[in-house]
């Protein structure tokens, strides 16, 4: 009797374990990686929300190949070392695809991990050309490149603004310096670069750099970097009596930039970015669904949403 009872208990435990394994196998795991905390958390939130909406829509239709999709959200803190660490974590956790990262300095080293594991990666926001020039078969982006927006910015300064002297400041990151150098490449020989310098991402006081730049009397500041530093540069430049316009790239185009820079910061600011999704009729259904669930869309919400749909 005791032996029979023991055997029955073992069979029940085995069945429960097997059932649990089956349920795990019925879920497709997708990793979402980006800066979820810190001064760039807004970008990570846009990523997370865009992917979440896409996943919910797919799961409502039955998932993919009869399996529901589960997302694993990881915070790389826009730190390259952290990005590599969590890339390995996602691989070991069974992720079969990655939506991320945001910063090129994170995406590029993390792509090595995903490539070795044979896992596809789609970045909604990494624009440095190096990411895809490695020719990894499973690494893609759904956004433009810095050699494109650097050229567009340069052409605007030369042809539209017709300026003679400019200053270039970058944040010394793969994205920021890469973008600044692409802009500089296309501007060289046509407009004089009277000042070129780097700042440290995360710093809060840029008045020393701006004071040195002011002496060169540029007609425009080109900044390669992200909105937290861009906003501070605009605000501190005004405090120093510097009234020339600022031009930057897609890392600056976020409402947080204006919040940091102060009132009327958008006046005299030029940014290179793709068309606003709110002005595209075919994006209306996405925008309505997103804003109903999360509130106002961010610049990279639609990129993350599209990346997820491409993945699925």
C-alpha atoms as a PDB file:
ATOM      1  CA  UNK A   1       0.000   0.000   0.000  1.00  0.00           C
ATOM      2  CA  UNK A   2       2.779   2.394   0.978  1.00  0.00           C
ATOM      3  CA  UNK A   3       4.702   1.508  -2.184  1.00  0.00           C
ATOM      4  CA  UNK A   4       1.611   2.139  -4.323  1.00  0.00           C
ATOM      5  CA  UNK A   5       1.011   5.503  -2.650  1.00  0.00           C
ATOM      6  CA  UNK A   6       4.653   6.510  -3.116  1.00  0.00           C
ATOM      7  CA  UNK A   7       4.507   5.525  -6.790  1.00  0.00           C
ATOM      8  CA  UNK A   8       1.309   7.546  -7.256  1.00  0.00           C
ATOM      9  CA  UNK A   9       2.907  10.634  -5.681  1.00  0.00           C
ATOM     10  CA  UNK A  10       5.975  10.303  -7.922  1.00  0.00           C
ATOM     11  CA  UNK A  11       3.768   9.988 -11.002  1.00  0.00           C
ATOM     12  CA  UNK A  12       1.815  13.116 -10.025  1.00  0.00           C
ATOM     13  CA  UNK A  13       5.035  15.088  -9.446  1.00  0.00           C
ATOM     14  CA  UNK A  14       6.441  13.908 -12.784  1.00  0.00           C
ATOM     15  CA  UNK A  15       3.238  14.900 -14.548  1.00  0.00           C
ATOM     16  CA  UNK A  16       3.312  18.373 -12.998  1.00  0.00           C
ATOM     17  CA  UNK A  17       6.955  18.883 -13.965  1.00  0.00           C
ATOM     18  CA  UNK A  18       6.302  17.686 -17.511  1.00  0.00           C
ATOM     19  CA  UNK A  19       3.224  19.911 -17.749  1.00  0.00           C
ATOM     20  CA  UNK A  20       5.264  22.908 -16.591  1.00  0.00           C
ATOM     21  CA  UNK A  21       7.932  22.206 -19.194  1.00  0.00           C
ATOM     22  CA  UNK A  22       5.307  21.980 -21.898  1.00  0.00           C
ATOM     23  CA  UNK A  23       3.846  25.360 -20.927  1.00  0.00           C
ATOM     24  CA  UNK A  24       7.277  26.974 -21.077  1.00  0.00           C
ATOM     25  CA  UNK A  25       7.848  25.556 -24.529  1.00  0.00           C
ATOM     26  CA  UNK A  26       4.530  27.039 -25.676  1.00  0.00           C
ATOM     27  CA  UNK A  27       5.840  30.569 -25.092  1.00  0.00           C
ATOM     28  CA  UNK A  28       8.065  32.481 -27.513  1.00  0.00           C
ATOM     29  CA  UNK A  29      10.474  34.655 -25.534  1.00  0.00           C
ATOM     30  CA  UNK A  30      11.513  38.022 -26.963  1.00  0.00           C
ATOM     31  CA  UNK A  31      14.047  40.274 -25.245  1.00  0.00           C
ATOM     32  CA  UNK A  32      13.596  44.047 -25.103  1.00  0.00           C
ATOM     33  CA  UNK A  33      16.787  45.902 -24.191  1.00  0.00           C
ATOM     34  CA  UNK A  34      17.469  49.587 -23.690  1.00  0.00           C
ATOM     35  CA  UNK A  35      17.981  52.326 -21.084  1.00  0.00           C
ATOM     36  CA  UNK A  36      15.016  51.662 -18.787  1.00  0.00           C
ATOM     37  CA  UNK A  37      16.354  53.778 -15.911  1.00  0.00           C
ATOM     38  CA  UNK A  38      18.455  56.917 -15.593  1.00  0.00           C
ATOM     39  CA  UNK A  39      18.494  60.069 -17.693  1.00  0.00           C
ATOM     40  CA  UNK A  40      17.656  58.236 -20.938  1.00  0.00           C
ATOM     41  CA  UNK A  41      14.816  56.155 -19.474  1.00  0.00           C
ATOM     42  CA  UNK A  42      12.296  57.908 -21.723  1.00  0.00           C
ATOM     43  CA  UNK A  43      13.796  56.160 -24.743  1.00  0.00           C
ATOM     44  CA  UNK A  44      13.683  52.790 -23.010  1.00  0.00           C
ATOM     45  CA  UNK A  45      10.060  53.364 -22.036  1.00  0.00           C
ATOM     46  CA  UNK A  46       9.191  54.147 -25.656  1.00  0.00           C
ATOM     47  CA  UNK A  47      10.826  50.866 -26.690  1.00  0.00           C
ATOM     48  CA  UNK A  48       9.035  48.852 -24.020  1.00  0.00           C
ATOM     49  CA  UNK A  49       5.615  50.354 -24.749  1.00  0.00           C
ATOM     50  CA  UNK A  50       5.890  49.951 -28.516  1.00  0.00           C
ATOM     51  CA  UNK A  51       6.868  46.291 -28.244  1.00  0.00           C
ATOM     52  CA  UNK A  52       4.244  45.620 -25.561  1.00  0.00           C
ATOM     53  CA  UNK A  53       1.478  46.931 -27.810  1.00  0.00           C
ATOM     54  CA  UNK A  54       2.638  44.793 -30.732  1.00  0.00           C
ATOM     55  CA  UNK A  55       2.874  41.685 -28.529  1.00  0.00           C
ATOM     56  CA  UNK A  56      -0.616  42.210 -27.125  1.00  0.00           C
ATOM     57  CA  UNK A  57      -2.029  42.535 -30.638  1.00  0.00           C
ATOM     58  CA  UNK A  58      -0.297  39.357 -31.817  1.00  0.00           C
ATOM     59  CA  UNK A  59      -1.297  37.397 -28.733  1.00  0.00           C
ATOM     60  CA  UNK A  60      -4.924  38.490 -29.192  1.00  0.00           C
ATOM     61  CA  UNK A  61      -4.763  36.868 -32.643  1.00  0.00           C
ATOM     62  CA  UNK A  62      -3.374  33.629 -31.224  1.00  0.00           C
ATOM     63  CA  UNK A  63       0.316  34.462 -31.082  1.00  0.00           C
ATOM     64  CA  UNK A  64       2.910  33.209 -33.551  1.00  0.00           C
ATOM     65  CA  UNK A  65       2.790  29.642 -34.865  1.00  0.00           C
ATOM     66  CA  UNK A  66       0.204  28.843 -32.222  1.00  0.00           C
ATOM     67  CA  UNK A  67       2.389  30.093 -29.362  1.00  0.00           C
ATOM     68  CA  UNK A  68       1.942  33.170 -27.187  1.00  0.00           C
ATOM     69  CA  UNK A  69       4.735  35.758 -27.063  1.00  0.00           C
ATOM     70  CA  UNK A  70       6.353  36.759 -23.769  1.00  0.00           C
ATOM     71  CA  UNK A  71       8.705  39.721 -23.471  1.00  0.00           C
ATOM     72  CA  UNK A  72      11.703  39.944 -21.175  1.00  0.00           C
ATOM     73  CA  UNK A  73      12.641  43.560 -20.442  1.00  0.00           C
ATOM     74  CA  UNK A  74      16.241  44.379 -19.555  1.00  0.00           C
ATOM     75  CA  UNK A  75      17.869  47.680 -18.584  1.00  0.00           C
ATOM     76  CA  UNK A  76      21.282  48.281 -20.169  1.00  0.00           C
ATOM     77  CA  UNK A  77      21.570  51.721 -18.479  1.00  0.00           C
ATOM     78  CA  UNK A  78      23.090  52.947 -21.779  1.00  0.00           C
ATOM     79  CA  UNK A  79      26.317  51.291 -20.619  1.00  0.00           C
ATOM     80  CA  UNK A  80      28.198  49.059 -23.115  1.00  0.00           C
ATOM     81  CA  UNK A  81      29.446  46.619 -20.465  1.00  0.00           C
ATOM     82  CA  UNK A  82      25.975  46.270 -18.975  1.00  0.00           C
ATOM     83  CA  UNK A  83      24.590  45.728 -22.479  1.00  0.00           C
ATOM     84  CA  UNK A  84      26.936  42.786 -23.085  1.00  0.00           C
ATOM     85  CA  UNK A  85      26.115  41.327 -19.672  1.00  0.00           C
ATOM     86  CA  UNK A  86      22.372  41.410 -20.186  1.00  0.00           C
ATOM     87  CA  UNK A  87      22.757  40.183 -23.781  1.00  0.00           C
ATOM     88  CA  UNK A  88      24.294  37.015 -22.372  1.00  0.00           C
ATOM     89  CA  UNK A  89      21.522  36.909 -19.765  1.00  0.00           C
ATOM     90  CA  UNK A  90      18.823  37.064 -22.441  1.00  0.00           C
ATOM     91  CA  UNK A  91      20.522  34.370 -24.509  1.00  0.00           C
ATOM     92  CA  UNK A  92      20.798  32.068 -21.498  1.00  0.00           C
ATOM     93  CA  UNK A  93      17.162  32.758 -20.565  1.00  0.00           C
ATOM     94  CA  UNK A  94      16.006  31.382 -23.903  1.00  0.00           C
ATOM     95  CA  UNK A  95      15.211  34.535 -25.870  1.00  0.00           C
ATOM     96  CA  UNK A  96      14.735  33.761 -29.564  1.00  0.00           C
ATOM     97  CA  UNK A  97      14.818  37.387 -30.716  1.00  0.00           C
ATOM     98  CA  UNK A  98      15.887  40.814 -29.449  1.00  0.00           C
ATOM     99  CA  UNK A  99      14.323  44.250 -29.915  1.00  0.00           C
ATOM    100  CA  UNK A 100      17.094  46.694 -28.957  1.00  0.00           C
ATOM    101  CA  UNK A 101      19.298  48.332 -28.052  1.00  0.00           C
ATOM    102  CA  UNK A 102      18.890  52.120 -28.278  1.00  0.00           C
ATOM    103  CA  UNK A 103      22.451  53.418 -27.968  1.00  0.00           C
ATOM    104  CA  UNK A 104      24.877  52.389 -30.703  1.00  0.00           C
ATOM    105  CA  UNK A 105      27.598  51.992 -28.076  1.00  0.00           C
ATOM    106  CA  UNK A 106      25.432  49.246 -26.550  1.00  0.00           C
ATOM    107  CA  UNK A 107      24.015  47.678 -29.711  1.00  0.00           C
ATOM    108  CA  UNK A 108      27.359  47.113 -31.402  1.00  0.00           C
ATOM    109  CA  UNK A 109      29.052  45.004 -28.669  1.00  0.00           C
ATOM    110  CA  UNK A 110      25.763  43.274 -27.760  1.00  0.00           C
ATOM    111  CA  UNK A 111      25.298  42.266 -31.405  1.00  0.00           C
ATOM    112  CA  UNK A 112      28.435  40.113 -31.110  1.00  0.00           C
ATOM    113  CA  UNK A 113      26.707  38.093 -28.375  1.00  0.00           C
ATOM    114  CA  UNK A 114      23.470  37.669 -30.304  1.00  0.00           C
ATOM    115  CA  UNK A 115      25.330  36.761 -33.480  1.00  0.00           C
ATOM    116  CA  UNK A 116      27.292  33.992 -31.755  1.00  0.00           C
ATOM    117  CA  UNK A 117      24.030  32.638 -30.323  1.00  0.00           C
ATOM    118  CA  UNK A 118      22.272  32.776 -33.689  1.00  0.00           C
ATOM    119  CA  UNK A 119      19.551  35.083 -32.336  1.00  0.00           C
ATOM    120  CA  UNK A 120      18.134  37.880 -34.542  1.00  0.00           C
ATOM    121  CA  UNK A 121      18.402  41.437 -33.267  1.00  0.00           C
ATOM    122  CA  UNK A 122      16.448  44.443 -34.540  1.00  0.00           C
ATOM    123  CA  UNK A 123      17.423  47.860 -33.232  1.00  0.00           C
ATOM    124  CA  UNK A 124      14.737  50.554 -33.301  1.00  0.00           C
ATOM    125  CA  UNK A 125      17.209  53.341 -32.610  1.00  0.00           C
ATOM    126  CA  UNK A 126      20.913  52.583 -33.177  1.00  0.00           C
ATOM    127  CA  UNK A 127      22.061  54.681 -36.119  1.00  0.00           C
ATOM    128  CA  UNK A 128      25.850  54.236 -36.182  1.00  0.00           C
ATOM    129  CA  UNK A 129      26.779  52.548 -39.503  1.00  0.00           C
ATOM    130  CA  UNK A 130      29.112  50.063 -37.764  1.00  0.00           C
ATOM    131  CA  UNK A 131      26.137  48.109 -36.398  1.00  0.00           C
ATOM    132  CA  UNK A 132      25.151  46.661 -39.749  1.00  0.00           C
ATOM    133  CA  UNK A 133      28.486  46.982 -41.522  1.00  0.00           C
ATOM    134  CA  UNK A 134      29.689  43.940 -39.594  1.00  0.00           C
ATOM    135  CA  UNK A 135      27.450  42.019 -42.002  1.00  0.00           C
ATOM    136  CA  UNK A 136      25.980  39.773 -39.332  1.00  0.00           C
ATOM    137  CA  UNK A 137      23.138  37.814 -40.918  1.00  0.00           C
ATOM    138  CA  UNK A 138      20.754  38.366 -38.010  1.00  0.00           C
ATOM    139  CA  UNK A 139      21.453  41.993 -37.061  1.00  0.00           C
ATOM    140  CA  UNK A 140      19.195  44.707 -38.460  1.00  0.00           C
ATOM    141  CA  UNK A 141      17.848  48.181 -37.743  1.00  0.00           C
ATOM    142  CA  UNK A 142      14.508  49.801 -38.589  1.00  0.00           C
ATOM    143  CA  UNK A 143      15.842  53.375 -38.454  1.00  0.00           C
ATOM    144  CA  UNK A 144      18.192  55.462 -40.569  1.00  0.00           C
ATOM    145  CA  UNK A 145      21.984  55.797 -40.310  1.00  0.00           C
ATOM    146  CA  UNK A 146      24.266  58.585 -39.163  1.00  0.00           C
ATOM    147  CA  UNK A 147      25.933  58.904 -42.541  1.00  0.00           C
ATOM    148  CA  UNK A 148      22.463  59.767 -43.862  1.00  0.00           C
ATOM    149  CA  UNK A 149      21.425  62.310 -41.238  1.00  0.00           C
ATOM    150  CA  UNK A 150      24.923  63.794 -41.047  1.00  0.00           C
ATOM    151  CA  UNK A 151      24.740  64.518 -44.759  1.00  0.00           C
ATOM    152  CA  UNK A 152      21.210  65.943 -44.545  1.00  0.00           C
ATOM    153  CA  UNK A 153      22.238  68.258 -41.707  1.00  0.00           C
ATOM    154  CA  UNK A 154      25.300  69.454 -43.591  1.00  0.00           C
ATOM    155  CA  UNK A 155      23.322  70.127 -46.759  1.00  0.00           C
ATOM    156  CA  UNK A 156      20.801  72.170 -44.762  1.00  0.00           C
ATOM    157  CA  UNK A 157      23.543  74.303 -43.193  1.00  0.00           C
ATOM    158  CA  UNK A 158      25.229  74.864 -46.558  1.00  0.00           C
ATOM    159  CA  UNK A 159      22.232  75.287 -48.844  1.00  0.00           C
ATOM    160  CA  UNK A 160      19.482  76.673 -46.618  1.00  0.00           C
ATOM    161  CA  UNK A 161      21.164  78.499 -43.750  1.00  0.00           C
ATOM    162  CA  UNK A 162      24.214  79.480 -45.824  1.00  0.00           C
ATOM    163  CA  UNK A 163      26.458  79.747 -42.773  1.00  0.00           C
ATOM    164  CA  UNK A 164      30.208  80.365 -42.824  1.00  0.00           C
ATOM    165  CA  UNK A 165      31.408  79.310 -39.353  1.00  0.00           C
ATOM    166  CA  UNK A 166      30.140  76.561 -37.062  1.00  0.00           C
ATOM    167  CA  UNK A 167      31.103  74.782 -33.840  1.00  0.00           C
ATOM    168  CA  UNK A 168      30.826  71.028 -33.281  1.00  0.00           C
ATOM    169  CA  UNK A 169      30.394  69.439 -29.849  1.00  0.00           C
ATOM    170  CA  UNK A 170      29.874  65.720 -29.220  1.00  0.00           C
ATOM    171  CA  UNK A 171      29.428  63.437 -26.208  1.00  0.00           C
ATOM    172  CA  UNK A 172      32.352  61.090 -27.000  1.00  0.00           C
ATOM    173  CA  UNK A 173      30.046  58.083 -27.446  1.00  0.00           C
ATOM    174  CA  UNK A 174      29.861  55.799 -30.470  1.00  0.00           C
ATOM    175  CA  UNK A 175      26.642  57.493 -31.519  1.00  0.00           C
ATOM    176  CA  UNK A 176      27.399  61.081 -30.578  1.00  0.00           C
ATOM    177  CA  UNK A 177      30.938  61.373 -31.903  1.00  0.00           C
ATOM    178  CA  UNK A 178      30.070  59.199 -34.882  1.00  0.00           C
ATOM    179  CA  UNK A 179      27.216  61.509 -35.860  1.00  0.00           C
ATOM    180  CA  UNK A 180      29.303  64.637 -35.291  1.00  0.00           C
ATOM    181  CA  UNK A 181      32.098  63.254 -37.460  1.00  0.00           C
ATOM    182  CA  UNK A 182      29.684  62.331 -40.257  1.00  0.00           C
ATOM    183  CA  UNK A 183      28.349  65.892 -40.206  1.00  0.00           C
ATOM    184  CA  UNK A 184      31.899  67.271 -40.138  1.00  0.00           C
ATOM    185  CA  UNK A 185      32.885  65.085 -43.083  1.00  0.00           C
ATOM    186  CA  UNK A 186      30.167  66.552 -45.295  1.00  0.00           C
ATOM    187  CA  UNK A 187      30.652  70.133 -44.088  1.00  0.00           C
ATOM    188  CA  UNK A 188      34.447  70.243 -44.490  1.00  0.00           C
ATOM    189  CA  UNK A 189      35.671  72.513 -47.277  1.00  0.00           C
ATOM    190  CA  UNK A 190      32.336  74.337 -47.496  1.00  0.00           C
ATOM    191  CA  UNK A 191      31.849  75.731 -43.998  1.00  0.00           C
ATOM    192  CA  UNK A 192      34.630  76.523 -41.512  1.00  0.00           C
ATOM    193  CA  UNK A 193      34.618  74.459 -38.324  1.00  0.00           C
ATOM    194  CA  UNK A 194      35.974  77.002 -35.830  1.00  0.00           C
ATOM    195  CA  UNK A 195      35.546  74.810 -32.755  1.00  0.00           C
ATOM    196  CA  UNK A 196      35.448  71.034 -32.221  1.00  0.00           C
ATOM    197  CA  UNK A 197      35.312  69.466 -28.767  1.00  0.00           C
ATOM    198  CA  UNK A 198      33.834  66.644 -26.717  1.00  0.00           C
ATOM    199  CA  UNK A 199      31.965  66.515 -23.422  1.00  0.00           C
ATOM    200  CA  UNK A 200      31.282  63.635 -21.052  1.00  0.00           C
ATOM    201  CA  UNK A 201      27.843  62.063 -21.238  1.00  0.00           C
ATOM    202  CA  UNK A 202      26.207  62.406 -17.846  1.00  0.00           C
ATOM    203  CA  UNK A 203      27.980  65.628 -16.861  1.00  0.00           C
ATOM    204  CA  UNK A 204      25.789  68.609 -15.968  1.00  0.00           C
ATOM    205  CA  UNK A 205      28.033  71.654 -16.389  1.00  0.00           C
ATOM    206  CA  UNK A 206      29.247  72.532 -19.891  1.00  0.00           C
ATOM    207  CA  UNK A 207      30.003  76.216 -19.374  1.00  0.00           C
ATOM    208  CA  UNK A 208      33.778  75.780 -19.691  1.00  0.00           C
ATOM    209  CA  UNK A 209      33.392  74.245 -23.147  1.00  0.00           C
ATOM    210  CA  UNK A 210      30.744  76.778 -24.160  1.00  0.00           C
ATOM    211  CA  UNK A 211      32.851  79.724 -22.977  1.00  0.00           C
ATOM    212  CA  UNK A 212      35.817  78.532 -25.061  1.00  0.00           C
ATOM    213  CA  UNK A 213      33.507  78.012 -28.012  1.00  0.00           C
ATOM    214  CA  UNK A 214      31.967  81.479 -27.651  1.00  0.00           C
ATOM    215  CA  UNK A 215      35.338  83.110 -28.312  1.00  0.00           C
ATOM    216  CA  UNK A 216      35.388  81.513 -31.784  1.00  0.00           C
ATOM    217  CA  UNK A 217      32.086  83.233 -32.691  1.00  0.00           C
ATOM    218  CA  UNK A 218      30.349  80.342 -34.480  1.00  0.00           C
ATOM    219  CA  UNK A 219      27.038  80.918 -36.239  1.00  0.00           C
ATOM    220  CA  UNK A 220      25.656  77.528 -35.198  1.00  0.00           C
ATOM    221  CA  UNK A 221      26.394  74.743 -32.707  1.00  0.00           C
ATOM    222  CA  UNK A 222      26.168  71.197 -34.016  1.00  0.00           C
ATOM    223  CA  UNK A 223      25.755  68.660 -31.218  1.00  0.00           C
ATOM    224  CA  UNK A 224      26.279  64.921 -31.555  1.00  0.00           C
ATOM    225  CA  UNK A 225      24.554  63.322 -28.586  1.00  0.00           C
ATOM    226  CA  UNK A 226      21.335  62.665 -26.670  1.00  0.00           C
ATOM    227  CA  UNK A 227      18.638  65.012 -25.355  1.00  0.00           C
ATOM    228  CA  UNK A 228      19.765  65.278 -21.672  1.00  0.00           C
ATOM    229  CA  UNK A 229      23.063  66.921 -22.631  1.00  0.00           C
ATOM    230  CA  UNK A 230      21.577  68.772 -25.614  1.00  0.00           C
ATOM    231  CA  UNK A 231      19.005  70.425 -23.371  1.00  0.00           C
ATOM    232  CA  UNK A 232      21.640  71.510 -20.874  1.00  0.00           C
ATOM    233  CA  UNK A 233      23.857  72.895 -23.636  1.00  0.00           C
ATOM    234  CA  UNK A 234      21.026  75.069 -24.980  1.00  0.00           C
ATOM    235  CA  UNK A 235      20.064  76.319 -21.512  1.00  0.00           C
ATOM    236  CA  UNK A 236      23.636  77.067 -20.423  1.00  0.00           C
ATOM    237  CA  UNK A 237      24.500  78.673 -23.760  1.00  0.00           C
ATOM    238  CA  UNK A 238      21.663  81.161 -23.258  1.00  0.00           C
ATOM    239  CA  UNK A 239      22.914  81.875 -19.738  1.00  0.00           C
ATOM    240  CA  UNK A 240      26.287  82.779 -21.273  1.00  0.00           C
ATOM    241  CA  UNK A 241      24.678  85.053 -23.846  1.00  0.00           C
ATOM    242  CA  UNK A 242      25.162  82.625 -26.742  1.00  0.00           C
ATOM    243  CA  UNK A 243      22.150  82.992 -29.017  1.00  0.00           C
ATOM    244  CA  UNK A 244      23.185  80.999 -32.089  1.00  0.00           C
ATOM    245  CA  UNK A 245      20.966  78.064 -33.125  1.00  0.00           C
ATOM    246  CA  UNK A 246      21.620  74.428 -32.281  1.00  0.00           C
ATOM    247  CA  UNK A 247      21.473  71.535 -34.730  1.00  0.00           C
ATOM    248  CA  UNK A 248      21.463  67.917 -33.613  1.00  0.00           C
ATOM    249  CA  UNK A 249      20.293  64.458 -34.633  1.00  0.00           C
ATOM    250  CA  UNK A 250      17.630  61.922 -33.767  1.00  0.00           C
ATOM    251  CA  UNK A 251      18.931  61.393 -30.234  1.00  0.00           C
ATOM    252  CA  UNK A 252      17.717  64.858 -29.279  1.00  0.00           C
ATOM    253  CA  UNK A 253      14.194  64.757 -30.676  1.00  0.00           C
ATOM    254  CA  UNK A 254      12.120  64.170 -27.571  1.00  0.00           C
ATOM    255  CA  UNK A 255       9.816  66.412 -25.491  1.00  0.00           C
ATOM    256  CA  UNK A 256      12.272  65.942 -22.625  1.00  0.00           C
ATOM    257  CA  UNK A 257      14.751  68.075 -24.582  1.00  0.00           C
ATOM    258  CA  UNK A 258      12.469  71.113 -24.357  1.00  0.00           C
ATOM    259  CA  UNK A 259      11.716  70.368 -20.712  1.00  0.00           C
ATOM    260  CA  UNK A 260      15.446  70.426 -19.903  1.00  0.00           C
ATOM    261  CA  UNK A 261      16.405  73.310 -22.199  1.00  0.00           C
ATOM    262  CA  UNK A 262      13.651  75.603 -20.986  1.00  0.00           C
ATOM    263  CA  UNK A 263      10.907  77.713 -22.515  1.00  0.00           C
ATOM    264  CA  UNK A 264      11.028  78.361 -26.250  1.00  0.00           C
ATOM    265  CA  UNK A 265      13.963  75.961 -26.677  1.00  0.00           C
ATOM    266  CA  UNK A 266      12.456  74.743 -29.923  1.00  0.00           C
ATOM    267  CA  UNK A 267      12.983  78.190 -31.449  1.00  0.00           C
ATOM    268  CA  UNK A 268      16.312  78.141 -33.251  1.00  0.00           C
ATOM    269  CA  UNK A 269      16.784  74.380 -32.956  1.00  0.00           C
ATOM    270  CA  UNK A 270      17.183  72.114 -35.977  1.00  0.00           C
ATOM    271  CA  UNK A 271      16.942  68.333 -35.675  1.00  0.00           C
ATOM    272  CA  UNK A 272      17.301  65.568 -38.261  1.00  0.00           C
ATOM    273  CA  UNK A 273      14.713  62.818 -37.909  1.00  0.00           C
ATOM    274  CA  UNK A 274      12.231  60.832 -39.952  1.00  0.00           C
ATOM    275  CA  UNK A 275       8.703  62.229 -40.552  1.00  0.00           C
ATOM    276  CA  UNK A 276       6.451  62.530 -37.502  1.00  0.00           C
ATOM    277  CA  UNK A 277       4.212  59.448 -37.337  1.00  0.00           C
ATOM    278  CA  UNK A 278       1.315  61.678 -36.289  1.00  0.00           C
ATOM    279  CA  UNK A 279       1.360  63.208 -39.777  1.00  0.00           C
ATOM    280  CA  UNK A 280       1.181  59.833 -41.541  1.00  0.00           C
ATOM    281  CA  UNK A 281      -2.426  58.664 -42.200  1.00  0.00           C
ATOM    282  CA  UNK A 282      -1.529  54.958 -42.175  1.00  0.00           C
ATOM    283  CA  UNK A 283      -0.127  55.310 -38.648  1.00  0.00           C
ATOM    284  CA  UNK A 284      -3.428  56.515 -37.164  1.00  0.00           C
ATOM    285  CA  UNK A 285      -4.581  53.110 -35.892  1.00  0.00           C
ATOM    286  CA  UNK A 286      -1.265  52.565 -34.136  1.00  0.00           C
ATOM    287  CA  UNK A 287      -1.259  56.036 -32.595  1.00  0.00           C
ATOM    288  CA  UNK A 288      -4.852  55.721 -31.353  1.00  0.00           C
ATOM    289  CA  UNK A 289      -4.159  52.323 -29.773  1.00  0.00           C
ATOM    290  CA  UNK A 290      -0.870  53.481 -28.248  1.00  0.00           C
ATOM    291  CA  UNK A 291      -2.199  56.714 -26.773  1.00  0.00           C
ATOM    292  CA  UNK A 292      -5.248  54.944 -25.346  1.00  0.00           C
ATOM    293  CA  UNK A 293      -2.963  52.564 -23.459  1.00  0.00           C
ATOM    294  CA  UNK A 294       0.184  54.579 -22.703  1.00  0.00           C
ATOM    295  CA  UNK A 295      -0.480  58.249 -23.421  1.00  0.00           C
ATOM    296  CA  UNK A 296       1.467  60.394 -25.890  1.00  0.00           C
ATOM    297  CA  UNK A 297       3.723  58.486 -28.281  1.00  0.00           C
ATOM    298  CA  UNK A 298       7.458  59.075 -28.149  1.00  0.00           C
ATOM    299  CA  UNK A 299       9.778  59.404 -31.153  1.00  0.00           C
ATOM    300  CA  UNK A 300      10.865  55.761 -30.905  1.00  0.00           C
ATOM    301  CA  UNK A 301       7.531  54.192 -29.934  1.00  0.00           C
ATOM    302  CA  UNK A 302       6.626  53.512 -33.550  1.00  0.00           C
ATOM    303  CA  UNK A 303      10.113  52.188 -34.359  1.00  0.00           C
ATOM    304  CA  UNK A 304       9.872  49.652 -31.532  1.00  0.00           C
ATOM    305  CA  UNK A 305       6.355  48.695 -32.603  1.00  0.00           C
ATOM    306  CA  UNK A 306       7.471  48.181 -36.196  1.00  0.00           C
ATOM    307  CA  UNK A 307      10.576  46.258 -35.118  1.00  0.00           C
ATOM    308  CA  UNK A 308       8.402  43.859 -33.130  1.00  0.00           C
ATOM    309  CA  UNK A 309       6.035  43.329 -36.053  1.00  0.00           C
ATOM    310  CA  UNK A 310       8.953  42.666 -38.382  1.00  0.00           C
ATOM    311  CA  UNK A 311      10.328  40.162 -35.859  1.00  0.00           C
ATOM    312  CA  UNK A 312       7.027  38.285 -35.540  1.00  0.00           C
END
